[in-house]
Amino acid sequence: MQNKMTSETTTIVTYPIVGAIRQIEEFLKKESPVERWEENNEVLQLFMKEIYAICKSEIPLIPEIESIANLDVNVINKWLKHHGFDIKLDPFGPGGFGTASKLDLTGYWNRTGTEQKIYVDHTNHILV
């Protein structure tokens, strides 16, 4: 099997997910409070026990995380557009609701980078 180089990376940031679930709970307090979540697989059980239960109290302390939950898809779509997302949610079915969350985080390098040239697969690439 040949090792294929890629320019794609995957990162899972759990705090916006925690923020979205917490926002659902806050929203539903007005409608029908959530007494407990019923996870339908082991991954969700682990997430709710090991991540959500521990991290949910930290969400209000992180101003870079914003979340919304609502019964009206138009309210969420307006929120998504306002925050620069290109997606648009489809209408919810009867009794449905939606949620969205974002983490606005910008990183800065400690030092200014310098331009470097590399040669890969007969092509020059410039890196900074």
C-alpha atoms as a PDB file:
ATOM      1  CA  MET A   1       0.000   0.000   0.000  1.00  0.00           C
ATOM      2  CA  GLN A   2       1.461   3.336  -1.033  1.00  0.00           C
ATOM      3  CA  ASN A   3       1.528   6.178   1.500  1.00  0.00           C
ATOM      4  CA  LYS A   4      -0.491   8.968  -0.118  1.00  0.00           C
ATOM      5  CA  MET A   5       0.269  12.504   1.006  1.00  0.00           C
ATOM      6  CA  THR A   6      -2.691  14.795   1.463  1.00  0.00           C
ATOM      7  CA  SER A   7      -3.242  18.421   2.277  1.00  0.00           C
ATOM      8  CA  GLU A   8      -6.322  17.582   4.338  1.00  0.00           C
ATOM      9  CA  THR A   9      -6.406  17.162   8.084  1.00  0.00           C
ATOM     10  CA  THR A  10      -9.258  16.346  10.401  1.00  0.00           C
ATOM     11  CA  THR A  11      -9.732  17.842  13.817  1.00  0.00           C
ATOM     12  CA  ILE A  12     -12.603  17.171  16.147  1.00  0.00           C
ATOM     13  CA  VAL A  13     -13.374  20.039  18.475  1.00  0.00           C
ATOM     14  CA  THR A  14     -15.798  18.818  21.108  1.00  0.00           C
ATOM     15  CA  TYR A  15     -16.583  22.088  22.877  1.00  0.00           C
ATOM     16  CA  PRO A  16     -18.907  23.480  20.157  1.00  0.00           C
ATOM     17  CA  ILE A  17     -20.780  20.162  20.222  1.00  0.00           C
ATOM     18  CA  VAL A  18     -21.067  20.433  23.997  1.00  0.00           C
ATOM     19  CA  GLY A  19     -22.240  24.028  23.545  1.00  0.00           C
ATOM     20  CA  ALA A  20     -24.933  22.960  21.097  1.00  0.00           C
ATOM     21  CA  ILE A  21     -26.251  20.233  23.405  1.00  0.00           C
ATOM     22  CA  ARG A  22     -26.174  22.596  26.374  1.00  0.00           C
ATOM     23  CA  GLN A  23     -28.108  25.165  24.317  1.00  0.00           C
ATOM     24  CA  ILE A  24     -30.727  22.517  23.511  1.00  0.00           C
ATOM     25  CA  GLU A  25     -31.161  21.902  27.240  1.00  0.00           C
ATOM     26  CA  GLU A  26     -31.451  25.636  27.928  1.00  0.00           C
ATOM     27  CA  PHE A  27     -33.951  26.081  25.113  1.00  0.00           C
ATOM     28  CA  LEU A  28     -36.051  23.090  26.117  1.00  0.00           C
ATOM     29  CA  LYS A  29     -36.238  24.266  29.735  1.00  0.00           C
ATOM     30  CA  LYS A  30     -38.847  26.706  28.410  1.00  0.00           C
ATOM     31  CA  GLU A  31     -40.743  24.011  26.486  1.00  0.00           C
ATOM     32  CA  SER A  32     -40.177  20.651  28.150  1.00  0.00           C
ATOM     33  CA  PRO A  33     -37.106  20.218  30.384  1.00  0.00           C
ATOM     34  CA  VAL A  34     -34.638  17.441  29.563  1.00  0.00           C
ATOM     35  CA  GLU A  35     -34.377  15.102  32.522  1.00  0.00           C
ATOM     36  CA  ARG A  36     -31.807  12.841  30.900  1.00  0.00           C
ATOM     37  CA  TRP A  37     -30.474  12.007  27.459  1.00  0.00           C
ATOM     38  CA  GLU A  38     -31.001   8.592  25.935  1.00  0.00           C
ATOM     39  CA  GLU A  39     -27.952   7.697  23.859  1.00  0.00           C
ATOM     40  CA  ASN A  40     -28.502   5.141  21.121  1.00  0.00           C
ATOM     41  CA  ASN A  41     -24.935   3.873  20.733  1.00  0.00           C
ATOM     42  CA  GLU A  42     -21.689   3.433  22.658  1.00  0.00           C
ATOM     43  CA  VAL A  43     -19.980   6.458  21.118  1.00  0.00           C
ATOM     44  CA  LEU A  44     -22.778   8.759  22.290  1.00  0.00           C
ATOM     45  CA  GLN A  45     -22.824   7.121  25.722  1.00  0.00           C
ATOM     46  CA  LEU A  46     -19.094   7.714  26.080  1.00  0.00           C
ATOM     47  CA  PHE A  47     -19.348  11.279  24.755  1.00  0.00           C
ATOM     48  CA  MET A  48     -22.155  12.228  27.146  1.00  0.00           C
ATOM     49  CA  LYS A  49     -20.452  10.608  30.143  1.00  0.00           C
ATOM     50  CA  GLU A  50     -16.806  11.443  29.514  1.00  0.00           C
ATOM     51  CA  ILE A  51     -17.023  14.782  27.699  1.00  0.00           C
ATOM     52  CA  TYR A  52     -20.422  16.458  27.954  1.00  0.00           C
ATOM     53  CA  ALA A  53     -20.989  15.865  31.668  1.00  0.00           C
ATOM     54  CA  ILE A  54     -17.561  17.262  32.487  1.00  0.00           C
ATOM     55  CA  CYS A  55     -17.366  20.163  30.007  1.00  0.00           C
ATOM     56  CA  LYS A  56     -20.907  21.606  29.934  1.00  0.00           C
ATOM     57  CA  SER A  57     -20.346  23.856  32.957  1.00  0.00           C
ATOM     58  CA  GLU A  58     -17.341  25.430  31.210  1.00  0.00           C
ATOM     59  CA  ILE A  59     -19.255  26.581  28.111  1.00  0.00           C
ATOM     60  CA  PRO A  60     -20.574  29.844  29.637  1.00  0.00           C
ATOM     61  CA  LEU A  61     -16.969  30.730  30.515  1.00  0.00           C
ATOM     62  CA  ILE A  62     -15.788  30.495  26.891  1.00  0.00           C
ATOM     63  CA  PRO A  63     -16.922  33.608  24.992  1.00  0.00           C
ATOM     64  CA  GLU A  64     -15.551  32.222  21.710  1.00  0.00           C
ATOM     65  CA  ILE A  65     -18.331  29.598  21.667  1.00  0.00           C
ATOM     66  CA  GLU A  66     -21.815  30.650  20.599  1.00  0.00           C
ATOM     67  CA  SER A  67     -24.751  28.304  20.162  1.00  0.00           C
ATOM     68  CA  ILE A  68     -28.421  28.447  19.248  1.00  0.00           C
ATOM     69  CA  ALA A  69     -31.364  26.071  19.506  1.00  0.00           C
ATOM     70  CA  ASN A  70     -34.853  26.756  18.233  1.00  0.00           C
ATOM     71  CA  LEU A  71     -38.044  25.173  16.934  1.00  0.00           C
ATOM     72  CA  ASP A  72     -37.973  27.494  13.910  1.00  0.00           C
ATOM     73  CA  VAL A  73     -35.477  26.563  11.205  1.00  0.00           C
ATOM     74  CA  ASN A  74     -35.570  30.143   9.889  1.00  0.00           C
ATOM     75  CA  VAL A  75     -34.224  31.473  13.190  1.00  0.00           C
ATOM     76  CA  ILE A  76     -31.282  29.072  13.036  1.00  0.00           C
ATOM     77  CA  ASN A  77     -30.635  29.720   9.338  1.00  0.00           C
ATOM     78  CA  LYS A  78     -30.577  33.465  10.005  1.00  0.00           C
ATOM     79  CA  TRP A  79     -28.078  32.865  12.842  1.00  0.00           C
ATOM     80  CA  LEU A  80     -25.903  30.700  10.579  1.00  0.00           C
ATOM     81  CA  LYS A  81     -25.902  33.330   7.822  1.00  0.00           C
ATOM     82  CA  HIS A  82     -25.096  36.095  10.325  1.00  0.00           C
ATOM     83  CA  HIS A  83     -22.071  34.084  11.464  1.00  0.00           C
ATOM     84  CA  GLY A  84     -20.782  33.480   7.932  1.00  0.00           C
ATOM     85  CA  PHE A  85     -21.927  29.903   7.367  1.00  0.00           C
ATOM     86  CA  ASP A  86     -22.956  28.931   3.825  1.00  0.00           C
ATOM     87  CA  ILE A  87     -25.237  26.096   4.909  1.00  0.00           C
ATOM     88  CA  LYS A  88     -28.992  26.256   5.196  1.00  0.00           C
ATOM     89  CA  LEU A  89     -30.942  23.748   7.282  1.00  0.00           C
ATOM     90  CA  ASP A  90     -34.032  22.067   5.866  1.00  0.00           C
ATOM     91  CA  PRO A  91     -37.333  22.496   7.726  1.00  0.00           C
ATOM     92  CA  PHE A  92     -37.776  20.290  10.794  1.00  0.00           C
ATOM     93  CA  GLY A  93     -40.515  17.702  10.966  1.00  0.00           C
ATOM     94  CA  PRO A  94     -43.374  17.909  13.450  1.00  0.00           C
ATOM     95  CA  GLY A  95     -42.046  18.305  16.988  1.00  0.00           C
ATOM     96  CA  GLY A  96     -38.518  18.833  15.654  1.00  0.00           C
ATOM     97  CA  PHE A  97     -35.965  21.437  16.565  1.00  0.00           C
ATOM     98  CA  GLY A  98     -32.449  22.322  15.549  1.00  0.00           C
ATOM     99  CA  THR A  99     -29.208  23.568  16.981  1.00  0.00           C
ATOM    100  CA  ALA A 100     -26.005  25.125  15.722  1.00  0.00           C
ATOM    101  CA  SER A 101     -22.782  26.125  17.409  1.00  0.00           C
ATOM    102  CA  LYS A 102     -19.563  27.868  16.475  1.00  0.00           C
ATOM    103  CA  LEU A 103     -16.109  28.316  17.904  1.00  0.00           C
ATOM    104  CA  ASP A 104     -14.505  31.586  16.828  1.00  0.00           C
ATOM    105  CA  LEU A 105     -10.832  31.042  17.455  1.00  0.00           C
ATOM    106  CA  THR A 106      -7.868  32.635  15.739  1.00  0.00           C
ATOM    107  CA  GLY A 107      -4.329  31.489  16.363  1.00  0.00           C
ATOM    108  CA  TYR A 108      -1.243  33.621  15.945  1.00  0.00           C
ATOM    109  CA  TRP A 109       2.299  32.386  15.480  1.00  0.00           C
ATOM    110  CA  ASN A 110       4.873  33.353  18.073  1.00  0.00           C
ATOM    111  CA  ARG A 111       7.303  34.397  15.307  1.00  0.00           C
ATOM    112  CA  THR A 112       6.800  35.639  11.780  1.00  0.00           C
ATOM    113  CA  GLY A 113       7.367  32.858   9.285  1.00  0.00           C
ATOM    114  CA  THR A 114       9.902  32.912   6.501  1.00  0.00           C
ATOM    115  CA  GLU A 115       9.368  31.730   2.965  1.00  0.00           C
ATOM    116  CA  GLN A 116      10.765  28.281   2.165  1.00  0.00           C
ATOM    117  CA  LYS A 117      10.776  26.436  -1.144  1.00  0.00           C
ATOM    118  CA  ILE A 118      10.330  22.690  -1.457  1.00  0.00           C
ATOM    119  CA  TYR A 119      10.300  20.419  -4.486  1.00  0.00           C
ATOM    120  CA  VAL A 120       7.715  17.592  -4.474  1.00  0.00           C
ATOM    121  CA  ASP A 121       6.628  15.440  -7.399  1.00  0.00           C
ATOM    122  CA  HIS A 122       8.505  17.579  -9.924  1.00  0.00           C
ATOM    123  CA  THR A 123       6.767  20.748  -8.695  1.00  0.00           C
ATOM    124  CA  ASN A 124       8.080  23.707  -6.712  1.00  0.00           C
ATOM    125  CA  HIS A 125       6.010  24.746  -3.712  1.00  0.00           C
ATOM    126  CA  ILE A 126       6.449  27.856  -1.580  1.00  0.00           C
ATOM    127  CA  LEU A 127       5.736  27.513   2.130  1.00  0.00           C
ATOM    128  CA  VAL A 128       5.611  30.182   4.786  1.00  0.00           C
END
